[in-house]
Protein backbone atom coordinates (compact mmCIF):
# COMPACT_ATOMS: atom_id res chain seq x y z
CA MET A 1 18.23 -12.99 110.15
CA PHE A 2 20.56 -12.60 107.03
CA VAL A 3 19.05 -11.67 103.55
CA LEU A 4 20.80 -12.39 100.45
CA GLY A 5 19.34 -10.42 97.51
CA VAL A 6 20.00 -11.45 93.70
CA PHE A 7 19.04 -9.43 90.79
CA LYS A 8 19.53 -10.16 87.13
CA VAL A 9 21.38 -7.11 85.62
CA ALA A 10 22.22 -7.87 81.72
CA GLU A 11 22.41 -10.90 79.38
CA LEU A 12 25.77 -11.31 77.63
CA PRO A 13 26.65 -13.76 74.93
CA GLY A 14 28.66 -15.45 77.66
CA GLY A 15 25.96 -15.49 80.18
CA VAL A 16 23.91 -13.39 82.38
CA ILE A 17 25.32 -10.96 84.96
CA TYR A 18 23.65 -10.79 88.35
CA ARG A 19 24.06 -7.97 91.25
CA TRP A 20 23.67 -9.51 94.66
CA GLU A 21 23.57 -7.71 97.99
CA ALA A 22 23.85 -9.08 101.60
CA ASP A 23 21.76 -7.49 104.02
CA GLY A 24 20.64 -4.58 101.64
CA GLY A 25 24.18 -4.07 100.54
CA GLY A 26 25.16 -3.05 104.13
CA THR A 27 27.36 -6.16 104.47
CA ALA A 28 28.75 -6.85 101.17
CA ALA A 29 27.65 -6.57 97.42
CA GLY A 30 29.17 -7.55 94.01
CA PHE A 31 28.53 -9.15 90.90
CA VAL A 32 28.73 -12.44 89.22
CA LEU A 33 28.49 -14.25 85.88
CA PHE A 34 26.07 -17.24 85.37
CA GLU A 35 26.70 -19.42 82.54
CA PRO A 36 23.41 -21.40 82.15
CA GLU A 37 24.99 -24.14 79.88
CA VAL A 38 26.99 -25.59 82.72
CA PRO A 39 25.21 -24.12 85.00
CA ALA A 40 28.07 -22.19 86.67
CA VAL A 41 28.69 -19.03 88.47
CA ARG A 42 31.90 -16.84 88.47
CA PRO A 43 32.56 -13.38 90.26
CA CYS A 44 32.81 -10.60 87.87
CA ILE A 45 32.95 -6.82 87.49
CA GLU A 46 29.80 -5.01 86.65
CA GLU A 47 30.42 -5.15 82.71
CA GLY A 48 30.87 -8.94 83.20
CA ALA A 49 34.56 -9.63 83.03
CA VAL A 50 35.55 -12.59 85.13
CA GLN A 51 37.69 -11.90 88.33
CA GLY A 52 40.25 -14.75 89.23
CA ASP A 53 39.34 -18.28 88.71
CA LEU A 54 36.55 -19.00 91.30
CA LEU A 55 34.31 -21.12 89.77
CA ILE A 56 31.04 -22.80 91.39
CA SER A 57 29.46 -25.23 88.92
CA GLY A 58 26.49 -27.99 88.83
CA PRO A 59 23.61 -28.90 91.13
CA HIS A 60 25.93 -29.96 93.76
CA LEU A 61 27.96 -26.46 93.98
CA VAL A 62 31.35 -27.70 93.13
CA VAL A 63 33.54 -25.12 94.12
CA SER A 64 37.33 -24.60 92.52
CA GLY A 65 39.81 -21.58 91.86
CA HIS A 66 40.21 -18.47 93.85
CA ASP A 67 39.23 -14.96 93.70
CA PRO A 68 41.08 -12.48 95.82
CA PHE A 69 38.47 -9.87 95.25
CA SER A 70 35.46 -11.68 96.65
CA ASP A 71 34.19 -13.15 99.81
CA ARG A 72 34.36 -16.73 98.70
CA LEU A 73 31.39 -17.89 101.21
CA GLN A 74 29.07 -15.02 99.85
CA VAL A 75 29.67 -16.17 96.18
CA VAL A 76 28.98 -19.77 96.99
CA ARG A 77 25.88 -18.52 98.79
CA VAL A 78 24.80 -16.45 95.39
CA ALA A 79 25.67 -19.27 93.03
CA GLY A 80 23.34 -21.64 95.33
CA ALA A 81 20.37 -19.05 95.01
CA ILE A 82 20.88 -18.83 91.24
CA ILE A 83 21.62 -22.32 90.36
CA THR A 84 18.69 -23.65 92.59
CA LYS A 85 16.15 -21.28 90.98
CA PHE A 86 17.47 -22.06 87.42
CA LEU A 87 17.01 -25.63 88.01
CA GLN A 88 13.46 -24.84 89.18
CA LEU A 89 12.76 -22.88 86.27
CA SER A 90 14.89 -24.21 83.27
CA GLU A 91 15.77 -20.48 82.39
CA PRO A 92 17.95 -17.83 84.03
CA PRO A 93 15.77 -16.24 86.96
CA GLU A 94 15.21 -12.57 87.49
CA THR A 95 15.67 -12.75 90.98
CA ALA A 96 17.18 -15.31 93.30
CA HIS A 97 16.69 -14.05 96.77
CA LYS A 98 17.65 -16.51 99.89
CA TYR A 99 16.66 -15.73 103.53
CA TYR A 100 18.47 -17.33 106.42
CA ALA A 101 17.07 -17.34 109.91
């Protein structure tokens, strides 16, 4: 089983910062910036500064750009969890966990 934990950390004028952990942080962890207007997700550092130009956007999770500091697959999974939950709630979620068997 693979567990992805996604936790809301802070709200900024440019979006919402989330911390994510794969398998409790044992596999990988990081931060993303969620922009609810689009909706879109970008990898970032803890303070919210965007890394690279990797962008995952819209309900179909269109992926563009690159970030040499992030695991692309993990960030796409995180984006999918956040955007799916956002579309259900119509607001940035507090958490957006995913479980894979």
